[in-house]
């Protein structure tokens, strides 16, 4: 359903019957200076005055990714907010690739945090949830109290120990090229091929539900093309500024990467060694999961998150 020229909104019927996703939808409008108002969807569960956990997804997922983590975290006494980025999930989707860029994703998420007036945030981030929201944190640190990072990164194109060896590597370069040269890609296979165990078909269909056809996939294709892999790329210098900030940010920063995700594992030690707040934290590895650790080991990651929250909050 096209709501105005150049903006797509997935029909609600596409989300009928999603497995294990009973959450009431919430929406707010964020203003983009060029595109105008964009409707952003988010899950909001738990008591309004409880400490906030912001669960940030990446590509090509959406808030459905966190369905097995939300309940345990809310039951432990926390408020969970899980947004769908613009271009993803139930949020509006600009139809043109030119509408998307790394800095714009950061701006949209910053506007979202400001619009809800969130504070005392524990950021749970994975995949693009890291590079986008760690930038947001560096720009408004007064709103954040802790970070749990899983299978994510903050690209800087710097050699070790500041970055990872041979970044981005052949696999990521091939993924970027595939997204650059295709107008459509199968969502179910993009998810399945990075899992240790193939998810059930109804789960894979749920990940694909927001994208009835290729027109709806401009955001998930272009975000990959926005990875800053060379000097002069959009966001690269700002990422380096964010790293300089994180080197001084001494609030709790925990890593919980999985044991079977070669695309991000080298960033685990970069975070542990460079982020001030990562020193002395009980960093852990989640066993039996590929890139989408929330999908394959959501309850295990939720337990790590709840233990981390309890160690750093008094409810």
Protein backbone atom coordinates (compact mmCIF):
# COMPACT_ATOMS: atom_id res chain seq x y z
CA UNK A 1 0.00 0.00 0.00
CA UNK A 2 1.52 3.30 -1.10
CA UNK A 3 0.71 6.04 1.41
CA UNK A 4 2.27 8.88 -0.57
CA UNK A 5 4.60 9.15 -3.54
CA UNK A 6 7.84 7.30 -2.88
CA UNK A 7 6.87 5.80 0.49
CA UNK A 8 5.61 2.23 0.92
CA UNK A 9 3.82 0.77 3.93
CA UNK A 10 3.45 -3.00 4.17
CA UNK A 11 -0.23 -4.03 4.42
CA UNK A 12 -1.19 -5.22 7.90
CA UNK A 13 -2.49 -8.48 6.45
CA UNK A 14 1.08 -9.50 5.66
CA UNK A 15 1.66 -9.85 9.40
CA UNK A 16 -1.28 -12.14 10.15
CA UNK A 17 -0.39 -15.31 12.02
CA UNK A 18 3.23 -14.57 12.87
CA UNK A 19 4.56 -17.32 15.17
CA UNK A 20 5.37 -16.28 18.76
CA UNK A 21 4.85 -12.58 18.07
CA UNK A 22 1.88 -11.50 20.21
CA UNK A 23 3.07 -7.93 20.79
CA UNK A 24 0.81 -4.92 20.35
CA UNK A 25 2.08 -2.51 17.69
CA UNK A 26 3.09 1.04 18.57
CA UNK A 27 3.80 3.80 16.07
CA UNK A 28 5.26 7.27 16.00
CA UNK A 29 6.02 9.68 13.21
CA UNK A 30 9.55 10.93 12.80
CA UNK A 31 10.29 13.89 10.58
CA UNK A 32 12.88 13.56 7.84
CA UNK A 33 13.95 16.95 6.40
CA UNK A 34 13.81 15.64 2.83
CA UNK A 35 11.27 12.82 2.91
CA UNK A 36 8.76 14.33 5.32
CA UNK A 37 7.04 12.35 8.09
CA UNK A 38 7.80 8.63 8.30
CA UNK A 39 5.89 6.19 10.47
CA UNK A 40 8.10 4.04 12.66
CA UNK A 41 6.87 0.89 14.38
CA UNK A 42 8.10 -0.36 17.73
CA UNK A 43 7.29 -2.89 20.44
CA UNK A 44 6.88 -1.40 23.91
CA UNK A 45 6.46 -3.98 26.69
CA UNK A 46 6.79 -3.69 30.45
CA UNK A 47 6.13 -0.99 33.03
CA UNK A 48 6.57 2.57 31.75
CA UNK A 49 8.80 3.57 34.66
CA UNK A 50 11.06 0.49 34.54
CA UNK A 51 14.66 0.72 33.28
CA UNK A 52 14.67 0.68 29.47
CA UNK A 53 16.21 -1.97 27.26
CA UNK A 54 16.47 -0.86 23.62
CA UNK A 55 16.67 -3.96 21.42
CA UNK A 56 18.17 -2.93 18.09
CA UNK A 57 17.97 -5.23 15.09
CA UNK A 58 20.09 -5.25 11.96
CA UNK A 59 19.79 -6.42 8.36
CA UNK A 60 17.67 -8.05 6.97
CA UNK A 61 15.75 -8.65 10.20
CA UNK A 62 13.20 -6.65 12.18
CA UNK A 63 11.75 -6.70 15.71
CA UNK A 64 10.50 -10.26 15.13
CA UNK A 65 14.12 -11.26 15.79
CA UNK A 66 13.72 -10.46 19.50
CA UNK A 67 10.46 -12.33 20.13
CA UNK A 68 12.10 -14.97 22.40
CA UNK A 69 13.98 -12.37 24.46
CA UNK A 70 11.29 -9.78 25.16
CA UNK A 71 9.20 -11.89 27.56
CA UNK A 72 12.04 -12.96 29.88
CA UNK A 73 13.43 -9.42 30.08
CA UNK A 74 10.01 -7.90 30.84
CA UNK A 75 9.35 -10.64 33.42
CA UNK A 76 12.60 -9.64 35.14
CA UNK A 77 11.22 -6.13 35.65
CA UNK A 78 12.42 -4.12 32.66
CA UNK A 79 10.77 -2.15 29.88
CA UNK A 80 11.65 -3.43 26.42
CA UNK A 81 11.48 -1.21 23.34
CA UNK A 82 12.21 -2.95 20.05
CA UNK A 83 11.88 -0.65 17.03
CA UNK A 84 11.80 -1.49 13.36
CA UNK A 85 14.22 0.75 11.52
CA UNK A 86 12.84 2.81 8.67
CA UNK A 87 12.84 0.50 5.64
CA UNK A 88 12.30 -2.60 7.78
CA UNK A 89 9.52 -4.54 9.48
CA UNK A 90 6.28 -2.63 10.02
CA UNK A 91 7.93 0.77 9.58
CA UNK A 92 7.57 2.91 6.46
CA UNK A 93 9.81 2.06 3.52
CA UNK A 94 11.05 4.74 1.15
CA UNK A 95 10.99 3.12 -2.26
CA UNK A 96 14.16 4.68 -3.70
CA UNK A 97 17.62 3.51 -2.70
CA UNK A 98 18.79 7.11 -2.70
CA UNK A 99 16.60 7.70 0.37
CA UNK A 100 18.91 5.52 2.48
CA UNK A 101 22.38 6.13 3.87
CA UNK A 102 24.38 5.31 6.97
CA UNK A 103 24.12 8.79 8.44
CA UNK A 104 20.39 8.89 7.71
CA UNK A 105 19.81 5.61 9.58
CA UNK A 106 21.65 7.12 12.55
CA UNK A 107 19.56 10.29 12.34
CA UNK A 108 16.30 8.31 12.23
CA UNK A 109 17.25 6.31 15.32
CA UNK A 110 18.38 9.40 17.19
CA UNK A 111 15.05 11.06 16.41
CA UNK A 112 13.24 7.93 17.63
CA UNK A 113 15.08 7.97 20.99
CA UNK A 114 14.41 11.70 21.40
CA UNK A 115 10.73 11.37 20.43
CA UNK A 116 10.13 8.75 23.13
CA UNK A 117 12.36 10.70 25.53
CA UNK A 118 14.17 7.53 26.53
CA UNK A 119 16.78 7.61 29.27
CA UNK A 120 18.73 5.15 31.43
CA UNK A 121 18.90 2.95 28.31
CA UNK A 122 20.63 -0.40 28.16
CA UNK A 123 21.35 -0.96 24.47
CA UNK A 124 21.08 -4.53 23.19
CA UNK A 125 22.56 -4.45 19.68
CA UNK A 126 23.40 -6.93 16.94
CA UNK A 127 24.46 -6.58 13.30
CA UNK A 128 23.62 -3.02 12.08
CA UNK A 129 22.05 -2.39 15.47
CA UNK A 130 25.62 -1.78 16.64
CA UNK A 131 27.08 0.61 14.04
CA UNK A 132 23.91 2.70 14.02
CA UNK A 133 23.10 2.82 17.71
CA UNK A 134 26.65 3.07 19.03
CA UNK A 135 26.82 6.22 16.94
CA UNK A 136 23.57 7.39 18.58
CA UNK A 137 25.07 6.61 22.00
CA UNK A 138 28.19 8.64 21.21
CA UNK A 139 26.01 11.61 20.24
CA UNK A 140 23.71 11.50 23.27
CA UNK A 141 25.58 9.53 25.96
CA UNK A 142 23.51 11.02 28.76
CA UNK A 143 20.60 8.80 27.68
CA UNK A 144 22.51 5.49 27.89
CA UNK A 145 23.66 3.50 30.92
CA UNK A 146 25.01 0.21 29.48
CA UNK A 147 25.53 -1.84 26.31
CA UNK A 148 25.29 -5.53 25.49
CA UNK A 149 26.83 -6.15 22.05
CA UNK A 150 26.29 -9.41 20.17
CA UNK A 151 27.62 -10.24 16.70
CA UNK A 152 28.12 -6.63 15.72
CA UNK A 153 30.85 -4.16 14.81
CA UNK A 154 31.66 -0.49 14.39
CA UNK A 155 33.49 -0.18 11.09
CA UNK A 156 36.61 1.98 11.04
CA UNK A 157 38.89 0.56 8.28
CA UNK A 158 41.82 0.76 10.70
CA UNK A 159 44.44 -1.99 11.13
CA UNK A 160 44.71 -4.10 14.31
CA UNK A 161 44.47 -3.48 17.20
CA UNK A 162 42.16 -0.57 16.35
CA UNK A 163 40.28 -2.65 13.79
CA UNK A 164 40.30 -6.18 12.38
CA UNK A 165 42.71 -7.77 9.89
CA UNK A 166 41.93 -7.53 6.18
CA UNK A 167 38.67 -5.67 6.68
CA UNK A 168 36.16 -6.12 5.06
CA UNK A 169 37.30 -9.45 3.57
CA UNK A 170 36.02 -11.39 0.58
CA UNK A 171 32.72 -12.54 2.10
CA UNK A 172 31.54 -9.05 3.08
CA UNK A 173 32.76 -7.58 -0.21
CA UNK A 174 30.75 -10.23 -2.09
CA UNK A 175 27.66 -9.49 0.03
CA UNK A 176 27.94 -5.78 -0.76
CA UNK A 177 28.31 -6.49 -4.47
CA UNK A 178 25.29 -8.81 -4.42
CA UNK A 179 23.14 -6.11 -2.83
CA UNK A 180 24.47 -3.48 -5.22
CA UNK A 181 23.65 -5.48 -8.34
CA UNK A 182 20.29 -7.00 -7.35
CA UNK A 183 16.85 -5.45 -7.04
CA UNK A 184 15.49 -8.36 -5.03
CA UNK A 185 16.93 -11.11 -2.82
CA UNK A 186 15.18 -14.01 -1.04
CA UNK A 187 14.81 -13.08 2.63
CA UNK A 188 14.27 -16.64 3.84
CA UNK A 189 17.57 -17.84 2.41
CA UNK A 190 19.47 -14.76 3.62
CA UNK A 191 18.43 -15.69 7.17
CA UNK A 192 18.78 -19.45 6.85
CA UNK A 193 22.27 -19.54 5.39
CA UNK A 194 23.80 -17.82 8.41
CA UNK A 195 22.15 -20.09 10.99
CA UNK A 196 23.64 -23.25 12.47
CA UNK A 197 20.24 -24.91 12.22
CA UNK A 198 17.75 -23.88 9.55
CA UNK A 199 14.74 -22.17 11.16
CA UNK A 200 11.25 -23.54 10.57
CA UNK A 201 9.58 -22.44 7.37
CA UNK A 202 6.91 -20.38 9.17
CA UNK A 203 9.69 -18.50 10.97
CA UNK A 204 11.50 -17.78 7.72
CA UNK A 205 8.22 -16.64 6.20
CA UNK A 206 7.74 -14.26 9.13
CA UNK A 207 11.11 -12.62 8.51
CA UNK A 208 10.04 -12.11 4.88
CA UNK A 209 6.54 -10.86 5.77
CA UNK A 210 7.36 -7.11 5.65
CA UNK A 211 8.51 -7.39 2.03
CA UNK A 212 5.71 -8.58 -0.29
CA UNK A 213 7.91 -7.95 -3.32
CA UNK A 214 11.22 -6.40 -4.33
CA UNK A 215 9.87 -2.84 -4.21
CA UNK A 216 9.83 -3.03 -0.42
CA UNK A 217 13.47 -4.12 -0.12
CA UNK A 218 15.31 -0.94 -1.09
CA UNK A 219 16.33 -0.31 2.51
CA UNK A 220 17.69 -3.75 3.28
CA UNK A 221 19.63 -3.78 0.00
CA UNK A 222 21.01 -0.26 0.31
CA UNK A 223 22.01 -0.52 3.96
CA UNK A 224 24.52 -3.19 2.93
CA UNK A 225 25.90 -0.86 0.28
CA UNK A 226 26.31 1.74 3.05
CA UNK A 227 28.96 -0.26 4.92
CA UNK A 228 31.97 2.11 5.03
CA UNK A 229 34.73 -0.07 3.59
CA UNK A 230 37.05 2.58 2.17
CA UNK A 231 38.46 5.99 3.04
CA UNK A 232 36.01 8.76 2.25
CA UNK A 233 32.94 6.57 2.75
CA UNK A 234 29.90 8.09 4.42
CA UNK A 235 30.05 7.60 8.16
CA UNK A 236 33.65 6.45 8.40
CA UNK A 237 35.10 9.57 10.01
CA UNK A 238 32.14 9.79 12.38
CA UNK A 239 32.64 6.14 13.32
CA UNK A 240 36.21 6.94 14.26
CA UNK A 241 34.93 9.78 16.43
CA UNK A 242 32.53 7.31 18.04
CA UNK A 243 35.44 4.97 18.75
CA UNK A 244 37.37 7.78 20.42
CA UNK A 245 34.33 8.41 22.57
CA UNK A 246 33.92 4.71 23.47
CA UNK A 247 37.55 4.51 24.52
CA UNK A 248 36.62 6.93 27.31
CA UNK A 249 33.06 5.71 28.02
CA UNK A 250 33.35 3.79 31.28
CA UNK A 251 29.77 2.60 31.71
CA UNK A 252 29.23 -1.20 31.55
CA UNK A 253 29.81 -2.70 28.10
CA UNK A 254 29.41 -6.48 27.74
CA UNK A 255 30.00 -8.68 24.69
CA UNK A 256 28.00 -11.86 24.04
CA UNK A 257 28.98 -12.98 20.57
CA UNK A 258 28.03 -16.42 19.26
CA UNK A 259 30.38 -19.30 18.54
CA UNK A 260 29.53 -19.66 14.84
CA UNK A 261 29.57 -16.25 13.17
CA UNK A 262 32.81 -15.70 11.24
CA UNK A 263 31.54 -12.38 9.83
CA UNK A 264 31.76 -10.54 13.17
CA UNK A 265 33.83 -12.59 15.61
CA UNK A 266 37.05 -10.60 15.07
CA UNK A 267 35.29 -7.50 16.39
CA UNK A 268 34.66 -9.15 19.75
CA UNK A 269 38.17 -8.49 21.04
CA UNK A 270 38.26 -5.01 19.51
CA UNK A 271 35.29 -4.04 21.68
CA UNK A 272 36.71 -5.80 24.73
CA UNK A 273 40.09 -4.12 24.39
CA UNK A 274 39.08 -0.63 23.27
CA UNK A 275 35.88 0.25 25.12
CA UNK A 276 36.65 1.57 28.59
CA UNK A 277 33.50 0.08 30.12
CA UNK A 278 34.31 -3.38 28.78
CA UNK A 279 37.22 -3.83 31.17
CA UNK A 280 36.49 -6.43 33.83
CA UNK A 281 33.09 -7.41 32.42
CA UNK A 282 32.06 -11.12 32.30
CA UNK A 283 32.21 -11.39 28.51
CA UNK A 284 30.74 -14.59 27.18
CA UNK A 285 30.19 -16.69 24.05
CA UNK A 286 26.75 -18.03 23.19
CA UNK A 287 27.01 -21.64 22.04
CA UNK A 288 25.06 -23.08 19.12
CA UNK A 289 24.26 -19.98 17.10
CA UNK A 290 25.27 -18.36 13.86
CA UNK A 291 24.95 -14.69 13.01
CA UNK A 292 21.37 -14.25 14.24
CA UNK A 293 22.02 -15.35 17.79
CA UNK A 294 18.64 -14.04 18.98
CA UNK A 295 16.90 -16.42 16.59
CA UNK A 296 18.82 -19.56 17.49
CA UNK A 297 19.65 -18.93 21.15
CA UNK A 298 17.27 -16.19 22.23
CA UNK A 299 16.57 -17.58 25.74
CA UNK A 300 20.31 -18.03 26.42
CA UNK A 301 21.06 -14.48 25.30
CA UNK A 302 18.10 -13.20 27.33
CA UNK A 303 19.58 -14.79 30.45
CA UNK A 304 22.92 -13.08 29.82
CA UNK A 305 21.08 -9.79 29.34
CA UNK A 306 18.98 -10.16 32.51
CA UNK A 307 22.06 -11.04 34.59
CA UNK A 308 23.83 -8.00 33.13
CA UNK A 309 20.87 -5.75 33.88
CA UNK A 310 20.59 -6.99 37.46
CA UNK A 311 24.28 -6.36 37.99
CA UNK A 312 23.89 -2.75 36.85
CA UNK A 313 20.38 -1.73 37.95
CA UNK A 314 18.43 -1.75 41.17
CA UNK A 315 14.75 -2.08 40.25
